[in-house]
Amino acid sequence: MLLLLLGGVAMAGFWYYQPQQRPDWVTESLPIAPKSKVALYRWKDERGEWVVSDQKPADGVEFERVEIRNDVNVMPSNGN
């Protein structure tokens, strides 16, 4: 019984310091954890430039719904 308890404490500590290794089911079941996925909306404006927002565009504007994980870096790499 003690081994199971120690294993659980060790795993909780590992997931605390390495949240990217934590399974989704653990992250989503934590009472204080933020949502692991965030919905964003992407569309082109009247000038043809991309707009990304957490708010839907006005009615009649064609958009794409994109879900991203909030615990992952989404910035593109510059290849260096």
N, C-alpha and C. Protein backbone atom coordinates (compact mmCIF):
# COMPACT_ATOMS: atom_id res chain seq x y z
N MET A 1 0.82 -1.18 0.00
CA MET A 1 0.00 0.00 0.00
C MET A 1 0.87 1.26 0.00
N LEU A 2 1.93 1.21 0.79
CA LEU A 2 2.85 2.34 0.88
C LEU A 2 3.54 2.59 -0.46
N LEU A 3 3.88 1.51 -1.17
CA LEU A 3 4.51 1.66 -2.49
C LEU A 3 3.58 2.35 -3.48
N LEU A 4 2.30 2.01 -3.45
CA LEU A 4 1.34 2.67 -4.33
C LEU A 4 1.22 4.15 -4.00
N LEU A 5 1.18 4.47 -2.74
CA LEU A 5 1.10 5.86 -2.31
C LEU A 5 2.34 6.64 -2.74
N LEU A 6 3.51 6.07 -2.52
CA LEU A 6 4.75 6.73 -2.93
C LEU A 6 4.82 6.88 -4.46
N GLY A 7 4.36 5.88 -5.18
CA GLY A 7 4.33 5.97 -6.65
C GLY A 7 3.41 7.08 -7.12
N GLY A 8 2.25 7.21 -6.48
CA GLY A 8 1.31 8.27 -6.83
C GLY A 8 1.88 9.65 -6.54
N VAL A 9 2.54 9.80 -5.42
CA VAL A 9 3.15 11.09 -5.07
C VAL A 9 4.28 11.41 -6.05
N ALA A 10 5.08 10.43 -6.40
CA ALA A 10 6.17 10.64 -7.36
C ALA A 10 5.61 11.05 -8.72
N MET A 11 4.56 10.40 -9.17
CA MET A 11 3.97 10.73 -10.48
C MET A 11 3.35 12.12 -10.44
N ALA A 12 2.69 12.48 -9.34
CA ALA A 12 2.11 13.82 -9.22
C ALA A 12 3.20 14.88 -9.25
N GLY A 13 4.31 14.63 -8.59
CA GLY A 13 5.43 15.56 -8.61
C GLY A 13 6.02 15.70 -10.00
N PHE A 14 6.16 14.59 -10.70
CA PHE A 14 6.68 14.63 -12.07
C PHE A 14 5.76 15.44 -12.97
N TRP A 15 4.45 15.20 -12.89
CA TRP A 15 3.50 15.93 -13.73
C TRP A 15 3.42 17.40 -13.34
N TYR A 16 3.68 17.71 -12.07
CA TYR A 16 3.67 19.11 -11.63
C TYR A 16 4.81 19.87 -12.29
N TYR A 17 5.99 19.27 -12.31
CA TYR A 17 7.16 19.95 -12.88
C TYR A 17 7.30 19.74 -14.38
N GLN A 18 6.61 18.80 -14.96
CA GLN A 18 6.64 18.52 -16.39
C GLN A 18 5.20 18.45 -16.93
N PRO A 19 4.47 19.58 -16.93
CA PRO A 19 3.05 19.52 -17.32
C PRO A 19 2.83 19.08 -18.77
N GLN A 20 3.82 19.26 -19.65
CA GLN A 20 3.65 18.83 -21.03
C GLN A 20 3.65 17.30 -21.15
N GLN A 21 4.12 16.60 -20.13
CA GLN A 21 4.11 15.14 -20.12
C GLN A 21 2.82 14.58 -19.53
N ARG A 22 2.01 15.44 -18.96
CA ARG A 22 0.78 15.02 -18.29
C ARG A 22 -0.26 14.60 -19.33
N PRO A 23 -0.88 13.44 -19.16
CA PRO A 23 -1.94 13.02 -20.10
C PRO A 23 -3.13 13.98 -20.04
N ASP A 24 -3.84 14.11 -21.16
CA ASP A 24 -4.99 15.00 -21.24
C ASP A 24 -6.04 14.68 -20.18
N TRP A 25 -6.29 13.40 -19.93
CA TRP A 25 -7.33 13.05 -18.97
C TRP A 25 -6.98 13.54 -17.57
N VAL A 26 -5.69 13.62 -17.25
CA VAL A 26 -5.29 14.14 -15.94
C VAL A 26 -5.49 15.65 -15.90
N THR A 27 -5.02 16.34 -16.94
CA THR A 27 -5.12 17.79 -17.00
C THR A 27 -6.57 18.24 -16.92
N GLU A 28 -7.45 17.58 -17.66
CA GLU A 28 -8.85 17.99 -17.70
C GLU A 28 -9.61 17.65 -16.43
N SER A 29 -9.10 16.71 -15.63
CA SER A 29 -9.81 16.34 -14.41
C SER A 29 -9.34 17.13 -13.20
N LEU A 30 -8.28 17.93 -13.34
CA LEU A 30 -7.80 18.72 -12.22
C LEU A 30 -8.77 19.87 -11.95
N PRO A 31 -9.13 20.10 -10.71
CA PRO A 31 -10.12 21.15 -10.42
C PRO A 31 -9.62 22.56 -10.68
N ILE A 32 -8.32 22.80 -10.56
CA ILE A 32 -7.80 24.15 -10.76
C ILE A 32 -7.09 24.31 -12.10
N ALA A 33 -7.09 23.28 -12.91
CA ALA A 33 -6.39 23.34 -14.18
C ALA A 33 -7.17 24.17 -15.19
N PRO A 34 -6.47 25.00 -15.97
CA PRO A 34 -7.16 25.72 -17.03
C PRO A 34 -7.55 24.76 -18.15
N LYS A 35 -8.46 25.19 -19.00
CA LYS A 35 -8.84 24.35 -20.12
C LYS A 35 -7.61 24.05 -20.94
N SER A 36 -7.44 22.80 -21.37
CA SER A 36 -6.24 22.44 -22.10
C SER A 36 -6.34 22.83 -23.57
N LYS A 37 -7.54 23.08 -24.07
CA LYS A 37 -7.70 23.49 -25.45
C LYS A 37 -8.49 24.80 -25.50
N VAL A 38 -8.05 25.67 -26.38
CA VAL A 38 -8.69 26.97 -26.55
C VAL A 38 -9.19 27.07 -27.99
N ALA A 39 -10.40 27.55 -28.17
CA ALA A 39 -10.96 27.72 -29.51
C ALA A 39 -10.64 29.12 -30.02
N LEU A 40 -10.08 29.18 -31.22
CA LEU A 40 -9.82 30.45 -31.89
C LEU A 40 -10.53 30.43 -33.24
N TYR A 41 -10.76 31.60 -33.78
CA TYR A 41 -11.43 31.74 -35.07
C TYR A 41 -10.50 32.49 -36.01
N ARG A 42 -10.41 32.01 -37.25
CA ARG A 42 -9.50 32.60 -38.23
C ARG A 42 -10.28 32.90 -39.50
N TRP A 43 -10.10 34.10 -40.03
CA TRP A 43 -10.74 34.51 -41.27
C TRP A 43 -9.92 35.61 -41.93
N LYS A 44 -10.25 35.91 -43.17
CA LYS A 44 -9.58 37.00 -43.89
C LYS A 44 -10.48 38.22 -43.86
N ASP A 45 -9.86 39.38 -43.59
CA ASP A 45 -10.63 40.61 -43.57
C ASP A 45 -10.82 41.16 -44.98
N GLU A 46 -11.41 42.34 -45.08
CA GLU A 46 -11.72 42.93 -46.40
C GLU A 46 -10.46 43.26 -47.21
N ARG A 47 -9.30 43.36 -46.55
CA ARG A 47 -8.04 43.61 -47.27
C ARG A 47 -7.32 42.31 -47.63
N GLY A 48 -7.90 41.18 -47.24
CA GLY A 48 -7.30 39.88 -47.54
C GLY A 48 -6.26 39.43 -46.52
N GLU A 49 -6.19 40.11 -45.38
CA GLU A 49 -5.23 39.76 -44.33
C GLU A 49 -5.89 38.84 -43.31
N TRP A 50 -5.12 37.90 -42.79
CA TRP A 50 -5.65 36.96 -41.81
C TRP A 50 -5.91 37.65 -40.48
N VAL A 51 -7.02 37.29 -39.87
CA VAL A 51 -7.39 37.75 -38.54
C VAL A 51 -7.61 36.51 -37.68
N VAL A 52 -7.02 36.51 -36.48
CA VAL A 52 -7.21 35.41 -35.54
C VAL A 52 -7.72 36.02 -34.24
N SER A 53 -8.82 35.46 -33.73
CA SER A 53 -9.43 36.01 -32.53
C SER A 53 -10.12 34.91 -31.74
N ASP A 54 -10.37 35.19 -30.48
CA ASP A 54 -11.17 34.26 -29.68
C ASP A 54 -12.66 34.57 -29.80
N GLN A 55 -13.00 35.60 -30.57
CA GLN A 55 -14.39 35.99 -30.83
C GLN A 55 -14.75 35.66 -32.28
N LYS A 56 -15.96 35.18 -32.50
CA LYS A 56 -16.41 34.91 -33.87
C LYS A 56 -16.52 36.22 -34.65
N PRO A 57 -16.29 36.16 -35.96
CA PRO A 57 -16.46 37.37 -36.76
C PRO A 57 -17.94 37.70 -36.93
N ALA A 58 -18.21 38.84 -37.57
CA ALA A 58 -19.59 39.25 -37.81
C ALA A 58 -20.31 38.23 -38.68
N ASP A 59 -21.63 38.22 -38.59
CA ASP A 59 -22.43 37.31 -39.40
C ASP A 59 -22.13 37.51 -40.87
N GLY A 60 -22.07 36.41 -41.61
CA GLY A 60 -21.83 36.46 -43.05
C GLY A 60 -20.36 36.34 -43.42
N VAL A 61 -19.46 36.39 -42.45
CA VAL A 61 -18.02 36.26 -42.73
C VAL A 61 -17.64 34.80 -42.60
N GLU A 62 -17.02 34.27 -43.63
CA GLU A 62 -16.60 32.87 -43.61
C GLU A 62 -15.37 32.74 -42.71
N PHE A 63 -15.39 31.78 -41.77
CA PHE A 63 -14.28 31.63 -40.83
C PHE A 63 -13.99 30.16 -40.61
N GLU A 64 -12.84 29.92 -39.99
CA GLU A 64 -12.41 28.57 -39.63
C GLU A 64 -12.21 28.55 -38.13
N ARG A 65 -12.73 27.51 -37.46
CA ARG A 65 -12.52 27.35 -36.02
C ARG A 65 -11.29 26.49 -35.81
N VAL A 66 -10.36 26.98 -35.00
CA VAL A 66 -9.10 26.29 -34.75
C VAL A 66 -8.98 26.06 -33.26
N GLU A 67 -8.66 24.82 -32.87
CA GLU A 67 -8.44 24.52 -31.45
C GLU A 67 -6.95 24.35 -31.24
N ILE A 68 -6.42 25.05 -30.23
CA ILE A 68 -5.01 24.90 -29.88
C ILE A 68 -4.90 24.54 -28.42
N ARG A 69 -3.83 23.88 -28.08
CA ARG A 69 -3.56 23.57 -26.68
C ARG A 69 -2.92 24.78 -26.04
N ASN A 70 -3.37 25.16 -24.87
CA ASN A 70 -2.80 26.34 -24.24
C ASN A 70 -1.49 26.05 -23.52
N ASP A 71 -1.07 24.80 -23.48
CA ASP A 71 0.20 24.47 -22.83
C ASP A 71 1.29 24.13 -23.85
N VAL A 72 1.07 24.53 -25.12
CA VAL A 72 2.04 24.25 -26.17
C VAL A 72 2.39 25.56 -26.86
N ASN A 73 3.66 25.74 -27.19
CA ASN A 73 4.10 26.93 -27.89
C ASN A 73 3.64 26.86 -29.33
N VAL A 74 2.88 27.84 -29.80
CA VAL A 74 2.36 27.84 -31.16
C VAL A 74 3.09 28.82 -32.06
N MET A 75 4.14 29.45 -31.54
CA MET A 75 4.91 30.38 -32.36
C MET A 75 5.74 29.59 -33.37
N PRO A 76 5.74 30.00 -34.64
CA PRO A 76 6.52 29.26 -35.63
C PRO A 76 8.02 29.42 -35.39
N SER A 77 8.74 28.39 -35.73
CA SER A 77 10.19 28.42 -35.61
C SER A 77 10.78 29.14 -36.80
N ASN A 78 11.89 29.85 -36.59
CA ASN A 78 12.52 30.53 -37.72
C ASN A 78 13.54 29.63 -38.41
N GLY A 79 13.63 28.38 -38.00
CA GLY A 79 14.48 27.41 -38.68
C GLY A 79 15.92 27.41 -38.22
N ASN A 80 16.28 28.21 -37.23
CA ASN A 80 17.68 28.23 -36.75
C ASN A 80 17.92 27.21 -35.69
